């Protein structure tokens, strides 16, 4: 099914693109969330008129977006997350707004949450690649590392406890061998 994307959808396309997707994906995911509309002749004609109008306005924004891309592309952003007893799963979730706030705090670049292209919130610890849609033709990728501040302390303590009994066992002589 051909659809016109209303917003940027990771791994599908950017806002204003005409893409072909599976019928079920369009009906069950894109349409209910308002991410796309059916690509009919009237819609495509209206899209072309709108794109021509927008192209004139966005030429100046593209150069500033390229400057921002140089500052952000490939950078690491660390976000603290709280986890439960089952390590790895967060109590809450890291949303687009959380990523935008972390980028502002750590890298000093102001982004809107709609520029952070997360389809689903991040719910696990670890490193996650995140697409930043700075401009229609300018994208940047940052790595978001979600960490638990208490987890490294516990892991280090466990490794020290394991090392201590092994060292004590080395000092003893084998009995009956």
Protein backbone atom coordinates (compact mmCIF):
# COMPACT_ATOMS: atom_id res chain seq x y z
CA UNK A 1 0.00 0.00 0.00
CA UNK A 2 1.37 3.43 -0.90
CA UNK A 3 1.19 5.97 1.89
CA UNK A 4 2.38 9.53 2.49
CA UNK A 5 4.20 9.90 5.79
CA UNK A 6 2.98 12.74 8.03
CA UNK A 7 5.94 12.32 10.39
CA UNK A 8 9.36 10.69 10.19
CA UNK A 9 9.16 6.97 10.95
CA UNK A 10 12.49 5.20 11.59
CA UNK A 11 13.34 2.50 9.03
CA UNK A 12 10.39 3.57 6.85
CA UNK A 13 10.94 7.15 5.67
CA UNK A 14 10.90 10.85 6.38
CA UNK A 15 8.00 13.25 6.64
CA UNK A 16 6.45 13.85 3.21
CA UNK A 17 7.88 10.71 1.60
CA UNK A 18 5.63 8.46 -0.47
CA UNK A 19 6.51 4.91 0.56
CA UNK A 20 5.12 1.43 0.01
CA UNK A 21 4.40 -0.52 3.19
CA UNK A 22 2.49 -3.66 4.05
CA UNK A 23 -1.28 -3.18 4.27
CA UNK A 24 -1.46 -4.43 7.86
CA UNK A 25 1.40 -2.16 8.98
CA UNK A 26 -0.37 0.84 7.49
CA UNK A 27 -3.82 -0.03 8.91
CA UNK A 28 -2.68 -1.18 12.35
CA UNK A 29 0.30 1.08 13.09
CA UNK A 30 0.68 4.11 10.81
CA UNK A 31 -2.94 5.23 10.37
CA UNK A 32 -4.09 4.95 14.03
CA UNK A 33 -1.07 6.97 15.21
CA UNK A 34 -1.54 9.62 12.53
CA UNK A 35 1.87 8.87 11.04
CA UNK A 36 0.62 8.42 7.46
CA UNK A 37 -2.28 8.88 5.05
CA UNK A 38 -3.24 6.92 1.94
CA UNK A 39 -1.38 8.14 -1.16
CA UNK A 40 -4.21 9.08 -3.52
CA UNK A 41 -3.79 11.33 -6.57
CA UNK A 42 -5.32 14.33 -4.77
CA UNK A 43 -3.09 13.80 -1.74
CA UNK A 44 0.05 13.49 -3.89
CA UNK A 45 -0.81 16.69 -5.80
CA UNK A 46 -1.40 18.55 -2.53
CA UNK A 47 1.89 17.16 -1.18
CA UNK A 48 3.84 18.49 -4.18
CA UNK A 49 2.36 21.98 -3.77
CA UNK A 50 3.12 21.92 -0.06
CA UNK A 51 6.70 20.68 -0.64
CA UNK A 52 7.40 23.48 -3.13
CA UNK A 53 6.19 26.07 -0.63
CA UNK A 54 8.18 24.55 2.22
CA UNK A 55 11.38 24.17 0.14
CA UNK A 56 11.78 27.92 -0.15
CA UNK A 57 11.41 28.41 3.61
CA UNK A 58 13.68 25.57 4.68
CA UNK A 59 16.76 26.37 2.59
CA UNK A 60 18.13 28.62 5.33
CA UNK A 61 17.30 26.12 8.08
CA UNK A 62 19.29 23.40 6.32
CA UNK A 63 22.63 25.14 6.79
CA UNK A 64 22.03 25.58 10.52
CA UNK A 65 20.93 21.93 10.77
CA UNK A 66 24.18 20.81 9.15
CA UNK A 67 26.12 22.75 11.79
CA UNK A 68 24.14 21.03 14.54
CA UNK A 69 24.77 17.66 12.89
CA UNK A 70 28.54 18.21 13.12
CA UNK A 71 28.18 18.78 16.88
CA UNK A 72 25.93 15.76 17.50
CA UNK A 73 26.68 13.02 14.98
CA UNK A 74 28.26 9.96 16.61
CA UNK A 75 28.24 11.38 20.15
CA UNK A 76 27.36 9.40 23.28
CA UNK A 77 24.63 10.59 25.63
CA UNK A 78 24.28 8.91 29.03
CA UNK A 79 20.91 8.73 30.77
CA UNK A 80 20.38 7.34 34.25
CA UNK A 81 17.64 4.76 34.66
CA UNK A 82 16.36 2.84 37.65
CA UNK A 83 16.11 -0.94 37.38
CA UNK A 84 14.48 -3.59 39.52
CA UNK A 85 15.76 -6.94 40.74
CA UNK A 86 15.74 -8.34 37.21
CA UNK A 87 18.69 -6.43 35.83
CA UNK A 88 18.23 -4.74 32.52
CA UNK A 89 14.55 -3.74 32.62
CA UNK A 90 13.76 -0.17 33.62
CA UNK A 91 11.03 0.87 36.04
CA UNK A 92 9.95 3.65 33.70
CA UNK A 93 10.94 4.30 30.13
CA UNK A 94 13.26 6.71 28.36
CA UNK A 95 11.18 8.87 26.01
CA UNK A 96 12.01 11.32 23.23
CA UNK A 97 11.73 14.19 25.72
CA UNK A 98 14.26 12.50 28.05
CA UNK A 99 16.72 12.11 25.17
CA UNK A 100 16.24 15.75 24.09
CA UNK A 101 16.78 16.95 27.68
CA UNK A 102 19.93 14.82 28.05
CA UNK A 103 21.35 16.18 24.79
CA UNK A 104 20.72 19.73 25.97
CA UNK A 105 22.33 19.08 29.36
CA UNK A 106 25.35 17.10 28.13
CA UNK A 107 26.06 18.50 24.67
CA UNK A 108 24.49 21.96 24.92
CA UNK A 109 22.25 21.60 21.86
CA UNK A 110 18.56 22.49 22.11
CA UNK A 111 16.30 19.97 20.35
CA UNK A 112 12.57 19.51 20.31
CA UNK A 113 11.23 16.11 21.29
CA UNK A 114 9.73 15.64 17.82
CA UNK A 115 13.24 15.79 16.35
CA UNK A 116 14.17 12.65 18.29
CA UNK A 117 12.87 9.76 16.18
CA UNK A 118 11.90 7.12 18.74
CA UNK A 119 8.94 4.98 17.70
CA UNK A 120 8.84 3.16 21.04
CA UNK A 121 10.37 4.35 24.33
CA UNK A 122 13.61 2.74 25.52
CA UNK A 123 12.84 0.21 28.28
CA UNK A 124 16.18 -1.60 28.75
CA UNK A 125 19.66 -0.76 29.96
CA UNK A 126 22.46 -0.60 27.42
CA UNK A 127 23.39 1.36 24.34
CA UNK A 128 20.73 2.33 21.82
CA UNK A 129 21.23 4.11 18.49
CA UNK A 130 18.83 7.04 18.11
CA UNK A 131 18.06 8.97 14.92
CA UNK A 132 17.78 12.76 15.17
CA UNK A 133 15.76 14.36 12.38
CA UNK A 134 17.33 17.82 12.30
CA UNK A 135 16.00 18.79 8.88
CA UNK A 136 14.26 17.11 5.97
CA UNK A 137 17.61 16.25 4.39
CA UNK A 138 19.85 16.29 7.50
CA UNK A 139 19.97 13.41 9.98
CA UNK A 140 22.27 12.74 12.89
CA UNK A 141 22.77 9.58 14.91
CA UNK A 142 23.62 9.57 18.60
CA UNK A 143 24.17 6.65 20.92
CA UNK A 144 22.07 6.76 24.07
CA UNK A 145 23.54 4.75 26.92
CA UNK A 146 21.01 3.95 29.62
CA UNK A 147 22.75 2.98 32.84
CA UNK A 148 21.89 2.25 36.44
CA UNK A 149 24.18 4.15 38.82
CA UNK A 150 23.88 1.37 41.43
CA UNK A 151 24.60 -1.55 39.08
CA UNK A 152 28.37 -0.98 38.58
CA UNK A 153 28.90 -0.79 42.36
CA UNK A 154 27.13 -4.11 42.89
CA UNK A 155 29.04 -5.82 40.06
CA UNK A 156 32.38 -4.63 41.42
CA UNK A 157 31.46 -5.81 44.91
CA UNK A 158 30.50 -9.26 43.58
CA UNK A 159 33.75 -9.58 41.63
CA UNK A 160 35.76 -8.67 44.77
CA UNK A 161 33.85 -11.26 46.84
CA UNK A 162 34.57 -13.96 44.26
CA UNK A 163 38.26 -13.05 44.13
CA UNK A 164 38.70 -13.09 47.94
CA UNK A 165 37.67 -16.76 48.55
CA UNK A 166 39.78 -17.91 45.62
CA UNK A 167 42.83 -16.19 47.08
CA UNK A 168 42.19 -17.71 50.50
CA UNK A 169 41.83 -21.17 48.92
CA UNK A 170 45.23 -20.87 47.26
CA UNK A 171 46.97 -20.57 50.63
CA UNK A 172 45.60 -23.87 51.96
CA UNK A 173 47.41 -27.09 51.23
CA UNK A 174 45.38 -30.00 49.86
CA UNK A 175 44.50 -32.58 52.50
CA UNK A 176 44.60 -36.30 51.69
CA UNK A 177 45.99 -35.94 48.23
